[in-house]
N, C-alpha and C. Protein backbone atom coordinates (compact mmCIF):
# COMPACT_ATOMS: atom_id res chain seq x y z
N MET A 1 70.42 53.86 31.82
CA MET A 1 69.92 52.75 32.59
C MET A 1 70.22 51.46 31.83
N ASN A 2 70.54 50.44 32.57
CA ASN A 2 70.80 49.13 32.01
C ASN A 2 69.57 48.66 31.22
N PRO A 3 69.75 48.21 29.96
CA PRO A 3 68.59 47.79 29.15
C PRO A 3 67.78 46.64 29.77
N ALA A 4 68.45 45.71 30.43
CA ALA A 4 67.72 44.60 31.05
C ALA A 4 66.86 45.09 32.21
N LEU A 5 67.41 46.02 33.01
CA LEU A 5 66.64 46.58 34.12
C LEU A 5 65.47 47.41 33.59
N ARG A 6 65.73 48.18 32.55
CA ARG A 6 64.66 48.99 31.95
C ARG A 6 63.56 48.08 31.42
N SER A 7 63.93 47.00 30.76
CA SER A 7 62.96 46.06 30.24
C SER A 7 62.13 45.43 31.36
N LEU A 8 62.77 45.10 32.46
CA LEU A 8 62.06 44.53 33.61
C LEU A 8 61.07 45.53 34.19
N LEU A 9 61.50 46.78 34.33
CA LEU A 9 60.66 47.78 34.99
C LEU A 9 59.52 48.29 34.12
N VAL A 10 59.79 48.55 32.84
CA VAL A 10 58.76 49.16 32.00
C VAL A 10 58.24 48.25 30.91
N GLY A 11 58.76 47.05 30.79
CA GLY A 11 58.26 46.10 29.82
C GLY A 11 59.13 46.00 28.59
N THR A 12 58.83 45.01 27.79
CA THR A 12 59.65 44.77 26.61
C THR A 12 59.31 45.72 25.47
N LYS A 13 58.07 46.09 25.37
CA LYS A 13 57.64 47.06 24.35
C LYS A 13 56.91 48.16 25.09
N HIS A 14 57.32 49.39 24.90
CA HIS A 14 56.75 50.45 25.72
C HIS A 14 56.40 51.71 24.95
N PRO A 15 55.64 51.61 23.86
CA PRO A 15 55.17 52.85 23.23
C PRO A 15 54.19 53.57 24.15
N ALA A 16 54.00 54.84 23.89
CA ALA A 16 53.14 55.66 24.74
C ALA A 16 51.73 55.11 24.83
N ALA A 17 51.21 54.53 23.75
CA ALA A 17 49.86 53.99 23.77
C ALA A 17 49.72 52.85 24.78
N ARG A 18 50.74 52.01 24.88
CA ARG A 18 50.69 50.91 25.85
C ARG A 18 50.79 51.42 27.28
N ARG A 19 51.60 52.44 27.50
CA ARG A 19 51.68 53.02 28.84
C ARG A 19 50.35 53.64 29.22
N SER A 20 49.71 54.30 28.27
CA SER A 20 48.39 54.90 28.53
C SER A 20 47.37 53.82 28.86
N LEU A 21 47.47 52.69 28.19
CA LEU A 21 46.57 51.58 28.45
C LEU A 21 46.75 51.05 29.87
N VAL A 22 47.98 50.97 30.33
CA VAL A 22 48.26 50.52 31.70
C VAL A 22 47.69 51.51 32.71
N VAL A 23 47.89 52.79 32.49
CA VAL A 23 47.35 53.82 33.39
C VAL A 23 45.83 53.76 33.40
N ALA A 24 45.23 53.63 32.23
CA ALA A 24 43.76 53.52 32.16
C ALA A 24 43.29 52.26 32.88
N GLY A 25 44.04 51.17 32.74
CA GLY A 25 43.71 49.94 33.46
C GLY A 25 43.79 50.12 34.96
N ALA A 26 44.80 50.84 35.42
CA ALA A 26 44.94 51.09 36.86
C ALA A 26 43.78 51.94 37.38
N VAL A 27 43.38 52.94 36.61
CA VAL A 27 42.23 53.76 37.01
C VAL A 27 40.97 52.90 37.05
N GLY A 28 40.83 52.01 36.06
CA GLY A 28 39.69 51.10 36.05
C GLY A 28 39.69 50.15 37.24
N VAL A 29 40.86 49.63 37.59
CA VAL A 29 40.98 48.74 38.75
C VAL A 29 40.61 49.49 40.03
N PHE A 30 41.08 50.73 40.15
CA PHE A 30 40.73 51.56 41.31
C PHE A 30 39.22 51.76 41.39
N ALA A 31 38.62 52.17 40.28
CA ALA A 31 37.17 52.45 40.26
C ALA A 31 36.36 51.19 40.54
N ALA A 32 36.76 50.08 39.94
CA ALA A 32 36.03 48.83 40.14
C ALA A 32 36.13 48.35 41.58
N THR A 33 37.31 48.46 42.16
CA THR A 33 37.48 48.03 43.56
C THR A 33 36.69 48.93 44.50
N LEU A 34 36.77 50.23 44.28
CA LEU A 34 36.01 51.18 45.10
C LEU A 34 34.51 50.89 44.99
N ALA A 35 34.03 50.69 43.77
CA ALA A 35 32.61 50.41 43.57
C ALA A 35 32.20 49.10 44.23
N ALA A 36 33.04 48.08 44.11
CA ALA A 36 32.71 46.78 44.70
C ALA A 36 32.61 46.88 46.23
N TYR A 37 33.50 47.63 46.85
CA TYR A 37 33.40 47.82 48.30
C TYR A 37 32.20 48.69 48.65
N ALA A 38 31.98 49.77 47.90
CA ALA A 38 30.87 50.68 48.19
C ALA A 38 29.52 49.98 48.04
N LEU A 39 29.40 49.08 47.06
CA LEU A 39 28.16 48.35 46.84
C LEU A 39 28.08 47.07 47.66
N GLU A 40 29.07 46.88 48.51
CA GLU A 40 29.17 45.74 49.42
C GLU A 40 29.24 44.39 48.68
N LEU A 41 29.79 44.43 47.46
CA LEU A 41 30.10 43.18 46.77
C LEU A 41 31.35 42.55 47.38
N PHE A 42 32.26 43.41 47.83
CA PHE A 42 33.41 42.99 48.61
C PHE A 42 33.14 43.39 50.05
N ALA A 43 33.59 42.57 50.97
CA ALA A 43 33.35 42.85 52.38
C ALA A 43 34.65 42.78 53.16
N VAL A 44 34.73 43.59 54.19
CA VAL A 44 35.85 43.53 55.12
C VAL A 44 35.40 42.68 56.28
N SER A 45 36.21 41.69 56.64
CA SER A 45 35.79 40.72 57.65
C SER A 45 35.70 41.30 59.05
N GLY A 46 36.25 42.46 59.28
CA GLY A 46 36.20 43.07 60.59
C GLY A 46 37.55 43.02 61.27
N GLY A 47 37.63 43.66 62.40
CA GLY A 47 38.89 43.71 63.13
C GLY A 47 39.89 44.63 62.43
N VAL A 48 41.14 44.44 62.74
CA VAL A 48 42.19 45.23 62.13
C VAL A 48 42.54 44.60 60.79
N VAL A 49 42.44 45.40 59.74
CA VAL A 49 42.69 44.89 58.39
C VAL A 49 44.01 45.45 57.91
N PHE A 50 45.00 44.59 57.73
CA PHE A 50 46.28 45.02 57.19
C PHE A 50 46.31 44.88 55.68
N ILE A 51 45.76 43.78 55.19
CA ILE A 51 45.68 43.57 53.75
C ILE A 51 44.23 43.21 53.42
N PRO A 52 43.51 44.12 52.80
CA PRO A 52 42.13 43.79 52.42
C PRO A 52 42.14 42.72 51.33
N SER A 53 41.62 41.55 51.65
CA SER A 53 41.81 40.39 50.78
C SER A 53 41.17 40.56 49.41
N ASP A 54 39.99 41.15 49.32
CA ASP A 54 39.35 41.29 48.02
C ASP A 54 40.13 42.26 47.13
N ALA A 55 40.55 43.37 47.69
CA ALA A 55 41.34 44.33 46.92
C ALA A 55 42.68 43.73 46.51
N ALA A 56 43.29 42.98 47.42
CA ALA A 56 44.56 42.32 47.10
C ALA A 56 44.37 41.31 45.98
N THR A 57 43.26 40.59 45.99
CA THR A 57 42.99 39.61 44.94
C THR A 57 42.84 40.29 43.59
N VAL A 58 42.11 41.39 43.54
CA VAL A 58 41.95 42.14 42.29
C VAL A 58 43.31 42.64 41.81
N GLY A 59 44.12 43.18 42.72
CA GLY A 59 45.44 43.66 42.35
C GLY A 59 46.36 42.56 41.85
N VAL A 60 46.28 41.39 42.47
CA VAL A 60 47.11 40.26 42.05
C VAL A 60 46.68 39.77 40.68
N ILE A 61 45.39 39.66 40.45
CA ILE A 61 44.91 39.22 39.13
C ILE A 61 45.38 40.20 38.05
N ALA A 62 45.25 41.48 38.31
CA ALA A 62 45.72 42.48 37.34
C ALA A 62 47.24 42.40 37.18
N GLY A 63 47.95 42.17 38.26
CA GLY A 63 49.41 42.04 38.20
C GLY A 63 49.85 40.81 37.42
N VAL A 64 49.12 39.72 37.55
CA VAL A 64 49.43 38.51 36.77
C VAL A 64 49.26 38.82 35.28
N TRP A 65 48.19 39.50 34.94
CA TRP A 65 47.98 39.88 33.54
C TRP A 65 49.13 40.75 33.04
N ILE A 66 49.57 41.69 33.87
CA ILE A 66 50.69 42.56 33.50
C ILE A 66 51.95 41.73 33.27
N GLY A 67 52.22 40.79 34.15
CA GLY A 67 53.39 39.93 33.99
C GLY A 67 53.29 39.05 32.76
N TYR A 68 52.11 38.52 32.51
CA TYR A 68 51.90 37.67 31.34
C TYR A 68 52.10 38.47 30.05
N ALA A 69 51.63 39.72 30.05
CA ALA A 69 51.72 40.58 28.87
C ALA A 69 53.07 41.28 28.75
N ARG A 70 53.95 41.06 29.72
CA ARG A 70 55.29 41.68 29.74
C ARG A 70 55.21 43.21 29.70
N ARG A 71 54.33 43.77 30.49
CA ARG A 71 54.16 45.23 30.53
C ARG A 71 55.14 45.91 31.47
N GLY A 72 55.76 45.18 32.35
CA GLY A 72 56.76 45.75 33.24
C GLY A 72 56.35 45.71 34.70
N LEU A 73 57.35 45.61 35.53
CA LEU A 73 57.14 45.52 36.98
C LEU A 73 56.48 46.77 37.54
N LEU A 74 56.84 47.94 37.03
CA LEU A 74 56.22 49.18 37.51
C LEU A 74 54.71 49.17 37.27
N ALA A 75 54.30 48.62 36.14
CA ALA A 75 52.87 48.52 35.84
C ALA A 75 52.17 47.57 36.81
N ALA A 76 52.82 46.47 37.16
CA ALA A 76 52.25 45.53 38.13
C ALA A 76 52.10 46.20 39.49
N TRP A 77 53.09 46.96 39.88
CA TRP A 77 52.99 47.70 41.14
C TRP A 77 51.85 48.71 41.08
N LEU A 78 51.71 49.38 39.95
CA LEU A 78 50.67 50.40 39.80
C LEU A 78 49.28 49.80 39.92
N VAL A 79 49.01 48.69 39.25
CA VAL A 79 47.66 48.12 39.32
C VAL A 79 47.38 47.53 40.71
N ALA A 80 48.39 46.96 41.35
CA ALA A 80 48.19 46.46 42.71
C ALA A 80 47.91 47.62 43.66
N TYR A 81 48.62 48.72 43.49
CA TYR A 81 48.40 49.91 44.33
C TYR A 81 47.02 50.49 44.08
N ALA A 82 46.60 50.52 42.83
CA ALA A 82 45.28 51.06 42.49
C ALA A 82 44.17 50.27 43.17
N ALA A 83 44.29 48.95 43.18
CA ALA A 83 43.28 48.12 43.84
C ALA A 83 43.23 48.39 45.34
N LEU A 84 44.40 48.45 45.96
CA LEU A 84 44.45 48.72 47.40
C LEU A 84 43.96 50.13 47.71
N LEU A 85 44.26 51.06 46.82
CA LEU A 85 43.79 52.43 47.00
C LEU A 85 42.28 52.52 46.87
N GLY A 86 41.68 51.66 46.05
CA GLY A 86 40.22 51.62 45.96
C GLY A 86 39.59 51.24 47.29
N TYR A 87 40.18 50.24 47.95
CA TYR A 87 39.71 49.88 49.30
C TYR A 87 39.89 51.05 50.26
N HIS A 88 41.05 51.68 50.19
CA HIS A 88 41.36 52.78 51.10
C HIS A 88 40.38 53.95 50.89
N ALA A 89 40.03 54.22 49.64
CA ALA A 89 39.07 55.30 49.35
C ALA A 89 37.70 54.95 49.91
N ASP A 90 37.29 53.71 49.77
CA ASP A 90 36.00 53.30 50.33
C ASP A 90 36.00 53.49 51.84
N HIS A 91 37.07 53.04 52.47
CA HIS A 91 37.15 53.17 53.93
C HIS A 91 37.16 54.63 54.35
N ALA A 92 37.91 55.46 53.63
CA ALA A 92 38.02 56.87 54.01
C ALA A 92 36.70 57.62 53.80
N PHE A 93 36.06 57.42 52.67
CA PHE A 93 34.91 58.25 52.32
C PHE A 93 33.56 57.64 52.68
N PHE A 94 33.48 56.33 52.78
CA PHE A 94 32.22 55.70 53.13
C PHE A 94 32.25 55.04 54.51
N GLY A 95 33.42 54.59 54.92
CA GLY A 95 33.54 53.92 56.21
C GLY A 95 33.64 54.88 57.38
N LEU A 96 34.10 56.08 57.12
CA LEU A 96 34.24 57.08 58.19
C LEU A 96 33.14 58.13 58.03
N SER A 97 31.91 57.68 57.92
CA SER A 97 30.80 58.58 57.61
C SER A 97 30.50 59.59 58.71
N GLY A 98 30.96 59.35 59.91
CA GLY A 98 30.71 60.29 61.00
C GLY A 98 31.59 61.52 60.95
N ARG A 99 32.57 61.53 60.09
CA ARG A 99 33.49 62.66 59.97
C ARG A 99 33.10 63.52 58.78
N GLY A 100 33.57 64.76 58.81
CA GLY A 100 33.35 65.66 57.69
C GLY A 100 34.24 65.31 56.51
N PHE A 101 33.92 65.87 55.34
CA PHE A 101 34.69 65.56 54.14
C PHE A 101 36.16 65.92 54.30
N GLY A 102 36.45 67.03 54.97
CA GLY A 102 37.85 67.43 55.17
C GLY A 102 38.63 66.40 55.96
N ASP A 103 38.02 65.88 57.00
CA ASP A 103 38.67 64.83 57.80
C ASP A 103 38.83 63.54 57.00
N GLN A 104 37.80 63.21 56.22
CA GLN A 104 37.87 62.01 55.39
C GLN A 104 39.00 62.13 54.36
N PHE A 105 39.08 63.29 53.72
CA PHE A 105 40.12 63.50 52.72
C PHE A 105 41.50 63.49 53.36
N ALA A 106 41.63 64.11 54.54
CA ALA A 106 42.91 64.11 55.24
C ALA A 106 43.34 62.68 55.58
N TYR A 107 42.39 61.85 55.98
CA TYR A 107 42.70 60.45 56.26
C TYR A 107 43.14 59.74 54.98
N PHE A 108 42.44 60.02 53.87
CA PHE A 108 42.74 59.36 52.60
C PHE A 108 44.15 59.67 52.12
N VAL A 109 44.61 60.90 52.27
CA VAL A 109 45.93 61.29 51.75
C VAL A 109 47.01 61.25 52.82
N GLU A 110 46.72 60.71 53.97
CA GLU A 110 47.71 60.60 55.04
C GLU A 110 48.91 59.79 54.54
N LEU A 111 50.09 60.36 54.66
CA LEU A 111 51.30 59.78 54.08
C LEU A 111 51.60 58.38 54.59
N GLU A 112 51.46 58.16 55.88
CA GLU A 112 51.78 56.84 56.43
C GLU A 112 50.90 55.75 55.82
N GLY A 113 49.62 56.02 55.67
CA GLY A 113 48.72 55.05 55.08
C GLY A 113 49.03 54.78 53.63
N LEU A 114 49.34 55.83 52.87
CA LEU A 114 49.66 55.67 51.46
C LEU A 114 50.96 54.90 51.27
N VAL A 115 51.94 55.16 52.13
CA VAL A 115 53.21 54.43 52.05
C VAL A 115 53.01 52.96 52.42
N PHE A 116 52.21 52.71 53.44
CA PHE A 116 51.93 51.32 53.83
C PHE A 116 51.28 50.56 52.68
N LEU A 117 50.31 51.20 52.00
CA LEU A 117 49.67 50.57 50.84
C LEU A 117 50.68 50.36 49.72
N ALA A 118 51.61 51.29 49.57
CA ALA A 118 52.63 51.16 48.52
C ALA A 118 53.54 49.96 48.79
N VAL A 119 53.90 49.75 50.04
CA VAL A 119 54.73 48.59 50.39
C VAL A 119 53.97 47.30 50.09
N GLU A 120 52.70 47.26 50.47
CA GLU A 120 51.88 46.09 50.15
C GLU A 120 51.80 45.88 48.64
N ALA A 121 51.63 46.97 47.89
CA ALA A 121 51.51 46.88 46.43
C ALA A 121 52.80 46.38 45.80
N VAL A 122 53.94 46.81 46.31
CA VAL A 122 55.21 46.33 45.77
C VAL A 122 55.36 44.83 45.99
N VAL A 123 55.01 44.36 47.17
CA VAL A 123 55.12 42.93 47.46
C VAL A 123 54.12 42.14 46.61
N LEU A 124 52.85 42.54 46.65
CA LEU A 124 51.84 41.81 45.88
C LEU A 124 52.07 41.92 44.38
N GLY A 125 52.43 43.10 43.91
CA GLY A 125 52.67 43.30 42.48
C GLY A 125 53.85 42.51 41.98
N THR A 126 54.91 42.43 42.78
CA THR A 126 56.08 41.65 42.39
C THR A 126 55.75 40.16 42.30
N LEU A 127 55.05 39.65 43.30
CA LEU A 127 54.66 38.24 43.27
C LEU A 127 53.73 37.95 42.09
N ALA A 128 52.78 38.83 41.85
CA ALA A 128 51.85 38.64 40.74
C ALA A 128 52.57 38.72 39.40
N PHE A 129 53.50 39.66 39.27
CA PHE A 129 54.26 39.81 38.03
C PHE A 129 55.07 38.55 37.75
N MET A 130 55.71 38.01 38.77
CA MET A 130 56.48 36.78 38.61
C MET A 130 55.57 35.62 38.23
N LEU A 131 54.41 35.54 38.85
CA LEU A 131 53.46 34.48 38.53
C LEU A 131 52.98 34.60 37.08
N GLY A 132 52.72 35.81 36.63
CA GLY A 132 52.33 36.04 35.24
C GLY A 132 53.44 35.66 34.27
N GLY A 133 54.67 35.97 34.62
CA GLY A 133 55.79 35.58 33.78
C GLY A 133 55.96 34.07 33.71
N LEU A 134 55.78 33.41 34.84
CA LEU A 134 55.85 31.94 34.86
C LEU A 134 54.70 31.32 34.06
N LEU A 135 53.53 31.92 34.14
CA LEU A 135 52.40 31.45 33.37
C LEU A 135 52.67 31.58 31.87
N ARG A 136 53.24 32.71 31.47
CA ARG A 136 53.59 32.89 30.06
C ARG A 136 54.63 31.87 29.63
N LEU A 137 55.63 31.64 30.46
CA LEU A 137 56.66 30.64 30.15
C LEU A 137 56.04 29.26 30.01
N GLY A 138 55.14 28.91 30.91
CA GLY A 138 54.48 27.61 30.84
C GLY A 138 53.65 27.46 29.58
N VAL A 139 52.91 28.50 29.22
CA VAL A 139 52.11 28.45 28.00
C VAL A 139 53.01 28.33 26.78
N THR A 140 54.10 29.07 26.77
CA THR A 140 55.04 29.00 25.64
C THR A 140 55.66 27.62 25.53
N LEU A 141 56.08 27.05 26.65
CA LEU A 141 56.65 25.71 26.63
C LEU A 141 55.63 24.67 26.20
N PHE A 142 54.42 24.80 26.66
CA PHE A 142 53.36 23.87 26.28
C PHE A 142 53.09 23.94 24.78
N GLN A 143 53.05 25.15 24.25
CA GLN A 143 52.78 25.31 22.83
C GLN A 143 53.92 24.79 21.97
N SER A 144 55.15 24.99 22.42
CA SER A 144 56.29 24.58 21.60
C SER A 144 56.64 23.10 21.72
N HIS A 145 56.30 22.46 22.85
CA HIS A 145 56.71 21.08 23.06
C HIS A 145 55.60 20.05 22.98
N GLY A 146 54.40 20.42 23.23
CA GLY A 146 53.40 19.38 23.24
C GLY A 146 52.00 19.85 22.93
N GLY A 147 51.79 21.13 22.88
CA GLY A 147 50.45 21.64 22.66
C GLY A 147 49.86 21.24 21.32
N SER A 148 50.69 21.18 20.28
CA SER A 148 50.17 20.81 18.96
C SER A 148 49.97 19.31 18.82
N ASP A 149 50.62 18.52 19.67
CA ASP A 149 50.50 17.07 19.61
C ASP A 149 49.49 16.54 20.62
N ALA A 150 48.83 17.42 21.35
CA ALA A 150 47.94 16.98 22.44
C ALA A 150 46.74 16.21 21.92
N GLY A 151 46.29 16.47 20.70
CA GLY A 151 45.10 15.79 20.19
C GLY A 151 45.39 14.44 19.57
N ARG A 152 46.62 14.06 19.45
CA ARG A 152 46.98 12.79 18.80
C ARG A 152 47.04 11.63 19.73
């Protein structure tokens, strides 16, 4: 694989410990988003929801951090997907309370829904990753050109 493409996808430094940290972060984002919806800290406005705004916001914030830390585009997609999946889990297991667990689980793992969330995650994660990279560039430029002279 092209080194530049590999660096973009998996980050500039990719020891196993850092990859594990990203996976743990994604699990944490999933759990936090699910809990926030279950405890009604996040709310769905009603109607047909294509992009749950609170879950998308959590995913974008995590994706910006991934971009700023240069962890890789795949990691940004993963955390954005985890946030959206947290909303989806809440909807499947708590929002469809009139159905049995088997029906709820079947809805949760339905391929079309998971793919739709993945497409949303790729778009949101890519935008967030780029924003994080731009933020890092801005901070670096500020520090190198004027940050030390700001107090004078």
